[in-house]
């Protein structure tokens, strides 16, 4: 693993240069803002880690699968959100 793009502060560190999917800087900024919202809502640390890894050390497919697994294991209520995109 390389830390070529290591940045300081709230910016995300991109350690996985071999990941096929590449996020733009705006995608990273969006992820950071979502992370701030989740944190202010008291999100579980595992959810926070998953969200903040998306696009850096985890691709979208892996992130989606982990989110689905989390929801299946820990969701306490049925969601009314449509799964159709």
PDB file of N, CA and C in Angstrom:
ATOM      1  N   UNK A   1       0.833  -1.196   0.000  1.00  0.00           N
ATOM      2  CA  UNK A   1       0.000   0.000   0.000  1.00  0.00           C
ATOM      3  C   UNK A   1       0.871   1.250   0.000  1.00  0.00           C
ATOM      4  N   UNK A   2       0.469   2.229  -0.761  1.00  0.00           N
ATOM      5  CA  UNK A   2       1.163   3.509  -0.795  1.00  0.00           C
ATOM      6  C   UNK A   2       0.348   4.563  -0.059  1.00  0.00           C
ATOM      7  N   UNK A   3       1.032   5.526   0.514  1.00  0.00           N
ATOM      8  CA  UNK A   3       0.342   6.657   1.134  1.00  0.00           C
ATOM      9  C   UNK A   3       0.697   7.921   0.358  1.00  0.00           C
ATOM     10  N   UNK A   4       0.735   7.796  -0.939  1.00  0.00           N
ATOM     11  CA  UNK A   4       1.166   8.894  -1.804  1.00  0.00           C
ATOM     12  C   UNK A   4       0.314  10.140  -1.638  1.00  0.00           C
ATOM     13  N   UNK A   5      -0.996   9.970  -1.452  1.00  0.00           N
ATOM     14  CA  UNK A   5      -1.892  11.108  -1.358  1.00  0.00           C
ATOM     15  C   UNK A   5      -2.292  11.426   0.078  1.00  0.00           C
ATOM     16  N   UNK A   6      -1.449  11.097   1.042  1.00  0.00           N
ATOM     17  CA  UNK A   6      -1.742  11.366   2.441  1.00  0.00           C
ATOM     18  C   UNK A   6      -1.968  12.855   2.651  1.00  0.00           C
ATOM     19  N   UNK A   7      -3.103  13.203   3.268  1.00  0.00           N
ATOM     20  CA  UNK A   7      -3.442  14.596   3.525  1.00  0.00           C
ATOM     21  C   UNK A   7      -3.761  14.767   4.994  1.00  0.00           C
ATOM     22  N   UNK A   8      -3.686  15.986   5.473  1.00  0.00           N
ATOM     23  CA  UNK A   8      -3.898  16.273   6.885  1.00  0.00           C
ATOM     24  C   UNK A   8      -5.315  16.783   7.107  1.00  0.00           C
ATOM     25  N   UNK A   9      -5.828  16.574   8.335  1.00  0.00           N
ATOM     26  CA  UNK A   9      -7.121  17.132   8.714  1.00  0.00           C
ATOM     27  C   UNK A   9      -8.255  16.195   8.380  1.00  0.00           C
ATOM     28  N   UNK A  10      -9.384  16.766   7.944  1.00  0.00           N
ATOM     29  CA  UNK A  10     -10.586  15.990   7.673  1.00  0.00           C
ATOM     30  C   UNK A  10     -10.569  15.309   6.318  1.00  0.00           C
ATOM     31  N   UNK A  11      -9.557  15.588   5.523  1.00  0.00           N
ATOM     32  CA  UNK A  11      -9.515  14.976   4.200  1.00  0.00           C
ATOM     33  C   UNK A  11      -9.192  13.495   4.320  1.00  0.00           C
ATOM     34  N   UNK A  12      -9.701  12.727   3.379  1.00  0.00           N
ATOM     35  CA  UNK A  12      -9.544  11.279   3.399  1.00  0.00           C
ATOM     36  C   UNK A  12      -8.212  10.893   2.772  1.00  0.00           C
ATOM     37  N   UNK A  13      -7.570   9.892   3.360  1.00  0.00           N
ATOM     38  CA  UNK A  13      -6.296   9.391   2.867  1.00  0.00           C
ATOM     39  C   UNK A  13      -6.558   8.269   1.876  1.00  0.00           C
ATOM     40  N   UNK A  14      -5.968   8.352   0.695  1.00  0.00           N
ATOM     41  CA  UNK A  14      -6.146   7.324  -0.323  1.00  0.00           C
ATOM     42  C   UNK A  14      -4.956   6.383  -0.292  1.00  0.00           C
ATOM     43  N   UNK A  15      -5.122   5.225   0.391  1.00  0.00           N
ATOM     44  CA  UNK A  15      -4.043   4.259   0.497  1.00  0.00           C
ATOM     45  C   UNK A  15      -4.083   3.213  -0.612  1.00  0.00           C
ATOM     46  N   UNK A  16      -5.229   3.007  -1.219  1.00  0.00           N
ATOM     47  CA  UNK A  16      -5.377   1.922  -2.175  1.00  0.00           C
ATOM     48  C   UNK A  16      -5.303   2.442  -3.604  1.00  0.00           C
ATOM     49  N   UNK A  17      -4.119   2.574  -4.122  1.00  0.00           N
ATOM     50  CA  UNK A  17      -3.922   3.081  -5.483  1.00  0.00           C
ATOM     51  C   UNK A  17      -4.305   2.053  -6.535  1.00  0.00           C
ATOM     52  N   UNK A  18      -4.467   0.778  -6.150  1.00  0.00           N
ATOM     53  CA  UNK A  18      -4.792  -0.266  -7.106  1.00  0.00           C
ATOM     54  C   UNK A  18      -6.297  -0.438  -7.299  1.00  0.00           C
ATOM     55  N   UNK A  19      -7.096   0.273  -6.557  1.00  0.00           N
ATOM     56  CA  UNK A  19      -8.548   0.168  -6.689  1.00  0.00           C
ATOM     57  C   UNK A  19      -8.956   0.724  -8.054  1.00  0.00           C
ATOM     58  N   UNK A  20      -9.751  -0.041  -8.790  1.00  0.00           N
ATOM     59  CA  UNK A  20     -10.156   0.375 -10.133  1.00  0.00           C
ATOM     60  C   UNK A  20     -10.993   1.644 -10.112  1.00  0.00           C
ATOM     61  N   UNK A  21     -11.902   1.737  -9.168  1.00  0.00           N
ATOM     62  CA  UNK A  21     -12.792   2.883  -9.070  1.00  0.00           C
ATOM     63  C   UNK A  21     -12.034   4.065  -8.452  1.00  0.00           C
ATOM     64  N   UNK A  22     -12.117   5.204  -9.085  1.00  0.00           N
ATOM     65  CA  UNK A  22     -11.441   6.398  -8.579  1.00  0.00           C
ATOM     66  C   UNK A  22     -12.469   7.483  -8.300  1.00  0.00           C
ATOM     67  N   UNK A  23     -12.461   8.006  -7.094  1.00  0.00           N
ATOM     68  CA  UNK A  23     -13.346   9.096  -6.728  1.00  0.00           C
ATOM     69  C   UNK A  23     -12.657  10.419  -7.029  1.00  0.00           C
ATOM     70  N   UNK A  24     -13.443  11.391  -7.438  1.00  0.00           N
ATOM     71  CA  UNK A  24     -12.913  12.728  -7.643  1.00  0.00           C
ATOM     72  C   UNK A  24     -12.841  13.441  -6.299  1.00  0.00           C
ATOM     73  N   UNK A  25     -12.214  14.573  -6.274  1.00  0.00           N
ATOM     74  CA  UNK A  25     -12.113  15.357  -5.041  1.00  0.00           C
ATOM     75  C   UNK A  25     -13.503  15.739  -4.525  1.00  0.00           C
ATOM     76  N   UNK A  26     -14.437  16.038  -5.415  1.00  0.00           N
ATOM     77  CA  UNK A  26     -15.787  16.402  -4.976  1.00  0.00           C
ATOM     78  C   UNK A  26     -16.470  15.209  -4.313  1.00  0.00           C
ATOM     79  N   UNK A  27     -16.236  13.996  -4.818  1.00  0.00           N
ATOM     80  CA  UNK A  27     -16.786  12.806  -4.176  1.00  0.00           C
ATOM     81  C   UNK A  27     -16.239  12.664  -2.754  1.00  0.00           C
ATOM     82  N   UNK A  28     -14.959  12.899  -2.590  1.00  0.00           N
ATOM     83  CA  UNK A  28     -14.361  12.832  -1.251  1.00  0.00           C
ATOM     84  C   UNK A  28     -14.967  13.887  -0.332  1.00  0.00           C
ATOM     85  N   UNK A  29     -15.190  15.075  -0.845  1.00  0.00           N
ATOM     86  CA  UNK A  29     -15.784  16.136  -0.035  1.00  0.00           C
ATOM     87  C   UNK A  29     -17.220  15.782   0.365  1.00  0.00           C
ATOM     88  N   UNK A  30     -17.967  15.172  -0.547  1.00  0.00           N
ATOM     89  CA  UNK A  30     -19.334  14.734  -0.237  1.00  0.00           C
ATOM     90  C   UNK A  30     -19.301  13.679   0.872  1.00  0.00           C
ATOM     91  N   UNK A  31     -18.391  12.723   0.763  1.00  0.00           N
ATOM     92  CA  UNK A  31     -18.259  11.692   1.783  1.00  0.00           C
ATOM     93  C   UNK A  31     -17.934  12.311   3.138  1.00  0.00           C
ATOM     94  N   UNK A  32     -17.047  13.281   3.157  1.00  0.00           N
ATOM     95  CA  UNK A  32     -16.688  13.967   4.398  1.00  0.00           C
ATOM     96  C   UNK A  32     -17.907  14.648   5.010  1.00  0.00           C
ATOM     97  N   UNK A  33     -18.696  15.321   4.197  1.00  0.00           N
ATOM     98  CA  UNK A  33     -19.885  16.008   4.703  1.00  0.00           C
ATOM     99  C   UNK A  33     -20.918  15.017   5.238  1.00  0.00           C
ATOM    100  N   UNK A  34     -21.106  13.890   4.525  1.00  0.00           N
ATOM    101  CA  UNK A  34     -21.992  12.849   5.048  1.00  0.00           C
ATOM    102  C   UNK A  34     -21.466  12.320   6.379  1.00  0.00           C
ATOM    103  N   UNK A  35     -20.157  12.166   6.470  1.00  0.00           N
ATOM    104  CA  UNK A  35     -19.550  11.707   7.717  1.00  0.00           C
ATOM    105  C   UNK A  35     -19.825  12.655   8.870  1.00  0.00           C
ATOM    106  N   UNK A  36     -19.757  13.943   8.610  1.00  0.00           N
ATOM    107  CA  UNK A  36     -20.059  14.935   9.644  1.00  0.00           C
ATOM    108  C   UNK A  36     -21.508  14.823  10.100  1.00  0.00           C
ATOM    109  N   UNK A  37     -22.418  14.630   9.148  1.00  0.00           N
ATOM    110  CA  UNK A  37     -23.834  14.487   9.484  1.00  0.00           C
ATOM    111  C   UNK A  37     -24.053  13.233  10.332  1.00  0.00           C
ATOM    112  N   UNK A  38     -23.493  12.116   9.883  1.00  0.00           N
ATOM    113  CA  UNK A  38     -23.655  10.871  10.629  1.00  0.00           C
ATOM    114  C   UNK A  38     -23.087  10.996  12.038  1.00  0.00           C
ATOM    115  N   UNK A  39     -21.943  11.638  12.150  1.00  0.00           N
ATOM    116  CA  UNK A  39     -21.328  11.833  13.461  1.00  0.00           C
ATOM    117  C   UNK A  39     -22.216  12.675  14.370  1.00  0.00           C
ATOM    118  N   UNK A  40     -22.781  13.744  13.818  1.00  0.00           N
ATOM    119  CA  UNK A  40     -23.636  14.619  14.627  1.00  0.00           C
ATOM    120  C   UNK A  40     -24.918  13.909  15.051  1.00  0.00           C
ATOM    121  N   UNK A  41     -25.313  12.875  14.317  1.00  0.00           N
ATOM    122  CA  UNK A  41     -26.494  12.092  14.665  1.00  0.00           C
ATOM    123  C   UNK A  41     -26.161  10.914  15.580  1.00  0.00           C
ATOM    124  N   UNK A  42     -24.883  10.798  15.948  1.00  0.00           N
ATOM    125  CA  UNK A  42     -24.467   9.738  16.861  1.00  0.00           C
ATOM    126  C   UNK A  42     -24.343   8.371  16.212  1.00  0.00           C
ATOM    127  N   UNK A  43     -23.954   8.345  14.952  1.00  0.00           N
ATOM    128  CA  UNK A  43     -23.836   7.071  14.236  1.00  0.00           C
ATOM    129  C   UNK A  43     -22.827   6.141  14.898  1.00  0.00           C
ATOM    130  N   UNK A  44     -23.078   4.869  14.774  1.00  0.00           N
ATOM    131  CA  UNK A  44     -22.199   3.815  15.245  1.00  0.00           C
ATOM    132  C   UNK A  44     -20.817   3.976  14.594  1.00  0.00           C
ATOM    133  N   UNK A  45     -19.756   3.686  15.335  1.00  0.00           N
ATOM    134  CA  UNK A  45     -18.401   3.860  14.804  1.00  0.00           C
ATOM    135  C   UNK A  45     -18.131   2.955  13.602  1.00  0.00           C
ATOM    136  N   UNK A  46     -18.756   1.774  13.566  1.00  0.00           N
ATOM    137  CA  UNK A  46     -18.593   0.888  12.417  1.00  0.00           C
ATOM    138  C   UNK A  46     -19.205   1.477  11.156  1.00  0.00           C
ATOM    139  N   UNK A  47     -20.361   2.108  11.312  1.00  0.00           N
ATOM    140  CA  UNK A  47     -21.015   2.769  10.181  1.00  0.00           C
ATOM    141  C   UNK A  47     -20.151   3.933   9.706  1.00  0.00           C
ATOM    142  N   UNK A  48     -19.615   4.678  10.660  1.00  0.00           N
ATOM    143  CA  UNK A  48     -18.747   5.815  10.312  1.00  0.00           C
ATOM    144  C   UNK A  48     -17.511   5.331   9.543  1.00  0.00           C
ATOM    145  N   UNK A  49     -16.889   4.273  10.013  1.00  0.00           N
ATOM    146  CA  UNK A  49     -15.690   3.740   9.353  1.00  0.00           C
ATOM    147  C   UNK A  49     -16.027   3.267   7.940  1.00  0.00           C
ATOM    148  N   UNK A  50     -17.168   2.609   7.804  1.00  0.00           N
ATOM    149  CA  UNK A  50     -17.602   2.141   6.488  1.00  0.00           C
ATOM    150  C   UNK A  50     -17.814   3.310   5.542  1.00  0.00           C
ATOM    151  N   UNK A  51     -18.510   4.317   5.989  1.00  0.00           N
ATOM    152  CA  UNK A  51     -18.790   5.496   5.166  1.00  0.00           C
ATOM    153  C   UNK A  51     -17.495   6.200   4.755  1.00  0.00           C
ATOM    154  N   UNK A  52     -16.597   6.387   5.701  1.00  0.00           N
ATOM    155  CA  UNK A  52     -15.387   7.143   5.422  1.00  0.00           C
ATOM    156  C   UNK A  52     -14.370   6.341   4.599  1.00  0.00           C
ATOM    157  N   UNK A  53     -14.526   5.015   4.538  1.00  0.00           N
ATOM    158  CA  UNK A  53     -13.631   4.189   3.718  1.00  0.00           C
ATOM    159  C   UNK A  53     -14.071   4.113   2.266  1.00  0.00           C
ATOM    160  N   UNK A  54     -15.339   4.447   2.028  1.00  0.00           N
ATOM    161  CA  UNK A  54     -15.902   4.360   0.679  1.00  0.00           C
ATOM    162  C   UNK A  54     -15.126   5.275  -0.266  1.00  0.00           C
ATOM    163  N   UNK A  55     -14.588   4.707  -1.317  1.00  0.00           N
ATOM    164  CA  UNK A  55     -13.857   5.478  -2.307  1.00  0.00           C
ATOM    165  C   UNK A  55     -12.376   5.614  -2.014  1.00  0.00           C
ATOM    166  N   UNK A  56     -11.960   5.162  -0.847  1.00  0.00           N
ATOM    167  CA  UNK A  56     -10.543   5.217  -0.507  1.00  0.00           C
ATOM    168  C   UNK A  56      -9.971   3.811  -0.416  1.00  0.00           C
ATOM    169  N   UNK A  57     -10.356   3.095   0.607  1.00  0.00           N
ATOM    170  CA  UNK A  57      -9.851   1.736   0.774  1.00  0.00           C
ATOM    171  C   UNK A  57     -10.894   0.700   0.392  1.00  0.00           C
ATOM    172  N   UNK A  58     -12.129   1.145   0.105  1.00  0.00           N
ATOM    173  CA  UNK A  58     -13.200   0.249  -0.321  1.00  0.00           C
ATOM    174  C   UNK A  58     -13.880   0.820  -1.553  1.00  0.00           C
ATOM    175  N   UNK A  59     -14.140  -0.050  -2.516  1.00  0.00           N
ATOM    176  CA  UNK A  59     -14.872   0.397  -3.696  1.00  0.00           C
ATOM    177  C   UNK A  59     -16.370   0.420  -3.402  1.00  0.00           C
ATOM    178  N   UNK A  60     -17.142   0.926  -4.339  1.00  0.00           N
ATOM    179  CA  UNK A  60     -18.593   1.058  -4.141  1.00  0.00           C
ATOM    180  C   UNK A  60     -19.280  -0.278  -3.952  1.00  0.00           C
ATOM    181  N   UNK A  61     -18.877  -1.266  -4.715  1.00  0.00           N
ATOM    182  CA  UNK A  61     -19.511  -2.581  -4.608  1.00  0.00           C
ATOM    183  C   UNK A  61     -19.314  -3.182  -3.217  1.00  0.00           C
ATOM    184  N   UNK A  62     -18.094  -3.142  -2.709  1.00  0.00           N
ATOM    185  CA  UNK A  62     -17.813  -3.669  -1.371  1.00  0.00           C
ATOM    186  C   UNK A  62     -18.558  -2.870  -0.304  1.00  0.00           C
ATOM    187  N   UNK A  63     -18.587  -1.570  -0.464  1.00  0.00           N
ATOM    188  CA  UNK A  63     -19.275  -0.710   0.494  1.00  0.00           C
ATOM    189  C   UNK A  63     -20.762  -1.022   0.520  1.00  0.00           C
ATOM    190  N   UNK A  64     -21.371  -1.174  -0.645  1.00  0.00           N
ATOM    191  CA  UNK A  64     -22.793  -1.494  -0.720  1.00  0.00           C
ATOM    192  C   UNK A  64     -23.089  -2.821  -0.037  1.00  0.00           C
ATOM    193  N   UNK A  65     -22.278  -3.832  -0.296  1.00  0.00           N
ATOM    194  CA  UNK A  65     -22.486  -5.139   0.330  1.00  0.00           C
ATOM    195  C   UNK A  65     -22.366  -5.046   1.844  1.00  0.00           C
ATOM    196  N   UNK A  66     -21.396  -4.304   2.340  1.00  0.00           N
ATOM    197  CA  UNK A  66     -21.222  -4.159   3.784  1.00  0.00           C
ATOM    198  C   UNK A  66     -22.391  -3.386   4.406  1.00  0.00           C
ATOM    199  N   UNK A  67     -22.895  -2.375   3.703  1.00  0.00           N
ATOM    200  CA  UNK A  67     -24.057  -1.640   4.193  1.00  0.00           C
ATOM    201  C   UNK A  67     -25.285  -2.539   4.258  1.00  0.00           C
ATOM    202  N   UNK A  68     -25.479  -3.339   3.225  1.00  0.00           N
ATOM    203  CA  UNK A  68     -26.605  -4.270   3.219  1.00  0.00           C
ATOM    204  C   UNK A  68     -26.494  -5.267   4.370  1.00  0.00           C
ATOM    205  N   UNK A  69     -25.283  -5.801   4.570  1.00  0.00           N
ATOM    206  CA  UNK A  69     -25.067  -6.734   5.681  1.00  0.00           C
ATOM    207  C   UNK A  69     -25.376  -6.067   7.020  1.00  0.00           C
ATOM    208  N   UNK A  70     -24.894  -4.848   7.188  1.00  0.00           N
ATOM    209  CA  UNK A  70     -25.144  -4.120   8.433  1.00  0.00           C
ATOM    210  C   UNK A  70     -26.641  -3.926   8.644  1.00  0.00           C
ATOM    211  N   UNK A  71     -27.331  -3.473   7.613  1.00  0.00           N
ATOM    212  CA  UNK A  71     -28.779  -3.244   7.721  1.00  0.00           C
ATOM    213  C   UNK A  71     -29.532  -4.530   8.045  1.00  0.00           C
ATOM    214  N   UNK A  72     -29.125  -5.617   7.430  1.00  0.00           N
ATOM    215  CA  UNK A  72     -29.786  -6.897   7.677  1.00  0.00           C
ATOM    216  C   UNK A  72     -29.571  -7.355   9.121  1.00  0.00           C
ATOM    217  N   UNK A  73     -28.388  -7.143   9.651  1.00  0.00           N
ATOM    218  CA  UNK A  73     -28.063  -7.612  10.996  1.00  0.00           C
ATOM    219  C   UNK A  73     -28.577  -6.685  12.093  1.00  0.00           C
ATOM    220  N   UNK A  74     -28.533  -5.371  11.851  1.00  0.00           N
ATOM    221  CA  UNK A  74     -28.770  -4.427  12.935  1.00  0.00           C
ATOM    222  C   UNK A  74     -29.976  -3.517  12.782  1.00  0.00           C
ATOM    223  N   UNK A  75     -30.632  -3.540  11.643  1.00  0.00           N
ATOM    224  CA  UNK A  75     -31.787  -2.677  11.454  1.00  0.00           C
ATOM    225  C   UNK A  75     -32.921  -3.148  12.355  1.00  0.00           C
ATOM    226  N   UNK A  76     -33.518  -2.191  13.083  1.00  0.00           N
ATOM    227  CA  UNK A  76     -34.582  -2.537  14.018  1.00  0.00           C
ATOM    228  C   UNK A  76     -35.963  -2.285  13.459  1.00  0.00           C
ATOM    229  N   UNK A  77     -36.044  -1.594  12.341  1.00  0.00           N
ATOM    230  CA  UNK A  77     -37.358  -1.335  11.751  1.00  0.00           C
ATOM    231  C   UNK A  77     -37.281  -1.510  10.244  1.00  0.00           C
ATOM    232  N   UNK A  78     -38.413  -1.799   9.666  1.00  0.00           N
ATOM    233  CA  UNK A  78     -38.477  -1.941   8.215  1.00  0.00           C
ATOM    234  C   UNK A  78     -38.381  -0.573   7.564  1.00  0.00           C
ATOM    235  N   UNK A  79     -37.554  -0.481   6.568  1.00  0.00           N
ATOM    236  CA  UNK A  79     -37.361   0.770   5.859  1.00  0.00           C
ATOM    237  C   UNK A  79     -38.493   1.007   4.866  1.00  0.00           C
ATOM    238  N   UNK A  80     -38.859   2.265   4.709  1.00  0.00           N
ATOM    239  CA  UNK A  80     -39.872   2.613   3.703  1.00  0.00           C
ATOM    240  C   UNK A  80     -39.220   3.179   2.459  1.00  0.00           C
ATOM    241  N   UNK A  81     -37.894   3.181   2.434  1.00  0.00           N
ATOM    242  CA  UNK A  81     -37.153   3.700   1.292  1.00  0.00           C
ATOM    243  C   UNK A  81     -37.174   2.676   0.172  1.00  0.00           C
ATOM    244  N   UNK A  82     -37.474   3.110  -1.016  1.00  0.00           N
ATOM    245  CA  UNK A  82     -37.509   2.235  -2.169  1.00  0.00           C
ATOM    246  C   UNK A  82     -36.092   1.785  -2.533  1.00  0.00           C
ATOM    247  N   UNK A  83     -35.968   0.541  -2.955  1.00  0.00           N
ATOM    248  CA  UNK A  83     -34.663   0.031  -3.394  1.00  0.00           C
ATOM    249  C   UNK A  83     -34.473   0.192  -4.881  1.00  0.00           C
ATOM    250  N   UNK A  84     -35.453   0.771  -5.550  1.00  0.00           N
ATOM    251  CA  UNK A  84     -35.342   1.003  -7.001  1.00  0.00           C
ATOM    252  C   UNK A  84     -34.586   2.290  -7.262  1.00  0.00           C
ATOM    253  N   UNK A  85     -33.675   2.219  -8.219  1.00  0.00           N
ATOM    254  CA  UNK A  85     -32.896   3.409  -8.578  1.00  0.00           C
ATOM    255  C   UNK A  85     -33.349   3.923  -9.903  1.00  0.00           C
TER     256      UNK A  85
END
